Amino acid sequence: MQPQGYDIDMAHYLADEMGVELELIAVTSANRIPYLQTGQADLVISSLGKKS
């Protein structure tokens, strides 16, 4: 199942506008800030996902 929703659409839009490649990675609430601090992620859009 591919990630979906408004946050994913916004991430694609921002990447397109910035002319960069988008790589989506899964994060948790606990590791989202450490990922940013250590350079494992450049941007956190959301760490809450849609559940089916």
PDB file of N, CA and C in Angstrom:
ATOM      1  N   MET A   1       0.844  -1.183   0.000  1.00  0.00           N
ATOM      2  CA  MET A   1       0.000   0.000   0.000  1.00  0.00           C
ATOM      3  C   MET A   1       0.891   1.249   0.000  1.00  0.00           C
ATOM      4  N   GLN A   2       0.611   2.136  -0.894  1.00  0.00           N
ATOM      5  CA  GLN A   2       1.361   3.387  -1.008  1.00  0.00           C
ATOM      6  C   GLN A   2       0.826   4.403   0.000  1.00  0.00           C
ATOM      7  N   PRO A   3       1.726   5.219   0.568  1.00  0.00           N
ATOM      8  CA  PRO A   3       1.248   6.301   1.443  1.00  0.00           C
ATOM      9  C   PRO A   3       0.295   7.210   0.669  1.00  0.00           C
ATOM     10  N   GLN A   4      -0.732   7.691   1.347  1.00  0.00           N
ATOM     11  CA  GLN A   4      -1.699   8.553   0.682  1.00  0.00           C
ATOM     12  C   GLN A   4      -2.248   9.588   1.650  1.00  0.00           C
ATOM     13  N   GLY A   5      -2.851  10.606   1.091  1.00  0.00           N
ATOM     14  CA  GLY A   5      -3.479  11.635   1.904  1.00  0.00           C
ATOM     15  C   GLY A   5      -2.942  13.021   1.590  1.00  0.00           C
ATOM     16  N   TYR A   6      -3.505  14.001   2.273  1.00  0.00           N
ATOM     17  CA  TYR A   6      -3.153  15.404   2.041  1.00  0.00           C
ATOM     18  C   TYR A   6      -1.673  15.656   2.280  1.00  0.00           C
ATOM     19  N   ASP A   7      -1.121  15.107   3.368  1.00  0.00           N
ATOM     20  CA  ASP A   7       0.290  15.332   3.685  1.00  0.00           C
ATOM     21  C   ASP A   7       1.205  14.789   2.593  1.00  0.00           C
ATOM     22  N   ILE A   8       0.864  13.637   2.062  1.00  0.00           N
ATOM     23  CA  ILE A   8       1.663  13.033   0.992  1.00  0.00           C
ATOM     24  C   ILE A   8       1.559  13.887  -0.268  1.00  0.00           C
ATOM     25  N   ASP A   9       0.351  14.331  -0.589  1.00  0.00           N
ATOM     26  CA  ASP A   9       0.167  15.213  -1.745  1.00  0.00           C
ATOM     27  C   ASP A   9       0.977  16.500  -1.585  1.00  0.00           C
ATOM     28  N   MET A  10       0.982  17.064  -0.389  1.00  0.00           N
ATOM     29  CA  MET A  10       1.729  18.293  -0.133  1.00  0.00           C
ATOM     30  C   MET A  10       3.233  18.047  -0.248  1.00  0.00           C
ATOM     31  N   ALA A  11       3.698  16.917   0.231  1.00  0.00           N
ATOM     32  CA  ALA A  11       5.122  16.584   0.123  1.00  0.00           C
ATOM     33  C   ALA A  11       5.538  16.498  -1.341  1.00  0.00           C
ATOM     34  N   HIS A  12       4.710  15.855  -2.171  1.00  0.00           N
ATOM     35  CA  HIS A  12       5.003  15.774  -3.609  1.00  0.00           C
ATOM     36  C   HIS A  12       5.003  17.165  -4.242  1.00  0.00           C
ATOM     37  N   TYR A  13       4.033  17.989  -3.883  1.00  0.00           N
ATOM     38  CA  TYR A  13       3.955  19.346  -4.419  1.00  0.00           C
ATOM     39  C   TYR A  13       5.204  20.149  -4.054  1.00  0.00           C
ATOM     40  N   LEU A  14       5.595  20.109  -2.773  1.00  0.00           N
ATOM     41  CA  LEU A  14       6.774  20.856  -2.335  1.00  0.00           C
ATOM     42  C   LEU A  14       8.034  20.385  -3.054  1.00  0.00           C
ATOM     43  N   ALA A  15       8.193  19.084  -3.187  1.00  0.00           N
ATOM     44  CA  ALA A  15       9.369  18.549  -3.876  1.00  0.00           C
ATOM     45  C   ALA A  15       9.389  19.003  -5.335  1.00  0.00           C
ATOM     46  N   ASP A  16       8.239  18.953  -5.993  1.00  0.00           N
ATOM     47  CA  ASP A  16       8.159  19.406  -7.390  1.00  0.00           C
ATOM     48  C   ASP A  16       8.520  20.882  -7.509  1.00  0.00           C
ATOM     49  N   GLU A  17       7.969  21.702  -6.633  1.00  0.00           N
ATOM     50  CA  GLU A  17       8.244  23.140  -6.669  1.00  0.00           C
ATOM     51  C   GLU A  17       9.710  23.456  -6.388  1.00  0.00           C
ATOM     52  N   MET A  18      10.334  22.656  -5.525  1.00  0.00           N
ATOM     53  CA  MET A  18      11.731  22.872  -5.165  1.00  0.00           C
ATOM     54  C   MET A  18      12.693  22.213  -6.149  1.00  0.00           C
ATOM     55  N   GLY A  19      12.160  21.362  -7.017  1.00  0.00           N
ATOM     56  CA  GLY A  19      13.001  20.671  -7.986  1.00  0.00           C
ATOM     57  C   GLY A  19      13.906  19.626  -7.358  1.00  0.00           C
ATOM     58  N   VAL A  20      13.409  18.971  -6.313  1.00  0.00           N
ATOM     59  CA  VAL A  20      14.195  17.942  -5.637  1.00  0.00           C
ATOM     60  C   VAL A  20      13.460  16.605  -5.695  1.00  0.00           C
ATOM     61  N   GLU A  21      14.225  15.539  -5.478  1.00  0.00           N
ATOM     62  CA  GLU A  21      13.644  14.200  -5.456  1.00  0.00           C
ATOM     63  C   GLU A  21      13.036  13.947  -4.080  1.00  0.00           C
ATOM     64  N   LEU A  22      11.844  13.401  -4.061  1.00  0.00           N
ATOM     65  CA  LEU A  22      11.157  13.103  -2.810  1.00  0.00           C
ATOM     66  C   LEU A  22      11.422  11.663  -2.411  1.00  0.00           C
ATOM     67  N   GLU A  23      11.866  11.470  -1.184  1.00  0.00           N
ATOM     68  CA  GLU A  23      12.006  10.135  -0.607  1.00  0.00           C
ATOM     69  C   GLU A  23      11.209  10.126   0.686  1.00  0.00           C
ATOM     70  N   LEU A  24      10.163   9.333   0.721  1.00  0.00           N
ATOM     71  CA  LEU A  24       9.331   9.240   1.914  1.00  0.00           C
ATOM     72  C   LEU A  24       9.902   8.170   2.834  1.00  0.00           C
ATOM     73  N   ILE A  25      10.047   8.507   4.103  1.00  0.00           N
ATOM     74  CA  ILE A  25      10.512   7.535   5.089  1.00  0.00           C
ATOM     75  C   ILE A  25       9.542   7.526   6.259  1.00  0.00           C
ATOM     76  N   ALA A  26       9.379   6.374   6.857  1.00  0.00           N
ATOM     77  CA  ALA A  26       8.478   6.250   8.004  1.00  0.00           C
ATOM     78  C   ALA A  26       9.190   6.730   9.260  1.00  0.00           C
ATOM     79  N   VAL A  27       8.509   7.548  10.030  1.00  0.00           N
ATOM     80  CA  VAL A  27       9.035   8.011  11.315  1.00  0.00           C
ATOM     81  C   VAL A  27       7.954   7.835  12.375  1.00  0.00           C
ATOM     82  N   THR A  28       8.384   7.871  13.617  1.00  0.00           N
ATOM     83  CA  THR A  28       7.441   7.843  14.734  1.00  0.00           C
ATOM     84  C   THR A  28       7.494   9.194  15.429  1.00  0.00           C
ATOM     85  N   SER A  29       6.553   9.422  16.304  1.00  0.00           N
ATOM     86  CA  SER A  29       6.581  10.677  17.064  1.00  0.00           C
ATOM     87  C   SER A  29       7.870  10.800  17.862  1.00  0.00           C
ATOM     88  N   ALA A  30       8.370   9.680  18.359  1.00  0.00           N
ATOM     89  CA  ALA A  30       9.581   9.696  19.181  1.00  0.00           C
ATOM     90  C   ALA A  30      10.846   9.976  18.384  1.00  0.00           C
ATOM     91  N   ASN A  31      10.898   9.552  17.106  1.00  0.00           N
ATOM     92  CA  ASN A  31      12.156   9.720  16.364  1.00  0.00           C
ATOM     93  C   ASN A  31      12.140  10.818  15.312  1.00  0.00           C
ATOM     94  N   ARG A  32      11.046  11.526  15.173  1.00  0.00           N
ATOM     95  CA  ARG A  32      11.007  12.537  14.103  1.00  0.00           C
ATOM     96  C   ARG A  32      12.005  13.668  14.338  1.00  0.00           C
ATOM     97  N   ILE A  33      12.141  14.165  15.562  1.00  0.00           N
ATOM     98  CA  ILE A  33      13.096  15.240  15.845  1.00  0.00           C
ATOM     99  C   ILE A  33      14.535  14.733  15.742  1.00  0.00           C
ATOM    100  N   PRO A  34      14.867  13.572  16.338  1.00  0.00           N
ATOM    101  CA  PRO A  34      16.226  13.051  16.148  1.00  0.00           C
ATOM    102  C   PRO A  34      16.587  12.839  14.672  1.00  0.00           C
ATOM    103  N   TYR A  35      15.638  12.408  13.845  1.00  0.00           N
ATOM    104  CA  TYR A  35      15.910  12.248  12.412  1.00  0.00           C
ATOM    105  C   TYR A  35      16.292  13.590  11.789  1.00  0.00           C
ATOM    106  N   LEU A  36      15.598  14.648  12.168  1.00  0.00           N
ATOM    107  CA  LEU A  36      15.931  15.977  11.655  1.00  0.00           C
ATOM    108  C   LEU A  36      17.293  16.439  12.161  1.00  0.00           C
ATOM    109  N   GLN A  37      17.552  16.226  13.435  1.00  0.00           N
ATOM    110  CA  GLN A  37      18.808  16.679  14.041  1.00  0.00           C
ATOM    111  C   GLN A  37      20.027  15.961  13.478  1.00  0.00           C
ATOM    112  N   THR A  38      19.867  14.708  13.098  1.00  0.00           N
ATOM    113  CA  THR A  38      20.999  13.923  12.599  1.00  0.00           C
ATOM    114  C   THR A  38      21.085  13.901  11.078  1.00  0.00           C
ATOM    115  N   GLY A  39      20.179  14.608  10.400  1.00  0.00           N
ATOM    116  CA  GLY A  39      20.227  14.665   8.946  1.00  0.00           C
ATOM    117  C   GLY A  39      19.643  13.453   8.248  1.00  0.00           C
ATOM    118  N   GLN A  40      18.975  12.580   8.988  1.00  0.00           N
ATOM    119  CA  GLN A  40      18.329  11.426   8.363  1.00  0.00           C
ATOM    120  C   GLN A  40      17.059  11.841   7.625  1.00  0.00           C
ATOM    121  N   ALA A  41      16.538  13.011   7.973  1.00  0.00           N
ATOM    122  CA  ALA A  41      15.375  13.586   7.298  1.00  0.00           C
ATOM    123  C   ALA A  41      15.596  15.090   7.193  1.00  0.00           C
ATOM    124  N   ASP A  42      15.112  15.672   6.109  1.00  0.00           N
ATOM    125  CA  ASP A  42      15.226  17.117   5.910  1.00  0.00           C
ATOM    126  C   ASP A  42      13.950  17.849   6.308  1.00  0.00           C
ATOM    127  N   LEU A  43      12.834  17.138   6.310  1.00  0.00           N
ATOM    128  CA  LEU A  43      11.538  17.755   6.572  1.00  0.00           C
ATOM    129  C   LEU A  43      10.594  16.700   7.123  1.00  0.00           C
ATOM    130  N   VAL A  44       9.831  17.058   8.124  1.00  0.00           N
ATOM    131  CA  VAL A  44       8.787  16.174   8.634  1.00  0.00           C
ATOM    132  C   VAL A  44       7.456  16.823   8.285  1.00  0.00           C
ATOM    133  N   ILE A  45       6.692  16.154   7.463  1.00  0.00           N
ATOM    134  CA  ILE A  45       5.378  16.667   7.070  1.00  0.00           C
ATOM    135  C   ILE A  45       4.353  16.281   8.126  1.00  0.00           C
ATOM    136  N   SER A  46       4.342  15.019   8.502  1.00  0.00           N
ATOM    137  CA  SER A  46       3.413  14.523   9.507  1.00  0.00           C
ATOM    138  C   SER A  46       3.893  13.167   9.980  1.00  0.00           C
ATOM    139  N   SER A  47       3.609  12.863  11.200  1.00  0.00           N
ATOM    140  CA  SER A  47       3.931  11.522  11.674  1.00  0.00           C
ATOM    141  C   SER A  47       2.665  10.786  12.083  1.00  0.00           C
ATOM    142  N   LEU A  48       1.532  11.270  11.593  1.00  0.00           N
ATOM    143  CA  LEU A  48       0.264  10.595  11.796  1.00  0.00           C
ATOM    144  C   LEU A  48      -0.237  10.135  10.446  1.00  0.00           C
ATOM    145  N   GLY A  49      -0.613   8.898  10.353  1.00  0.00           N
ATOM    146  CA  GLY A  49      -1.041   8.364   9.068  1.00  0.00           C
ATOM    147  C   GLY A  49      -2.506   7.979   9.063  1.00  0.00           C
ATOM    148  N   LYS A  50      -2.997   7.722   7.870  1.00  0.00           N
ATOM    149  CA  LYS A  50      -4.366   7.276   7.685  1.00  0.00           C
ATOM    150  C   LYS A  50      -4.415   5.774   7.923  1.00  0.00           C
ATOM    151  N   LYS A  51      -5.329   5.336   8.755  1.00  0.00           N
ATOM    152  CA  LYS A  51      -5.489   3.904   9.011  1.00  0.00           C
ATOM    153  C   LYS A  51      -6.726   3.420   8.278  1.00  0.00           C
ATOM    154  N   SER A  52      -6.597   2.255   7.668  1.00  0.00           N
ATOM    155  CA  SER A  52      -7.725   1.678   6.935  1.00  0.00           C
ATOM    156  C   SER A  52      -8.483   0.713   7.808  1.00  0.00           C
TER     157      SER A  52
END
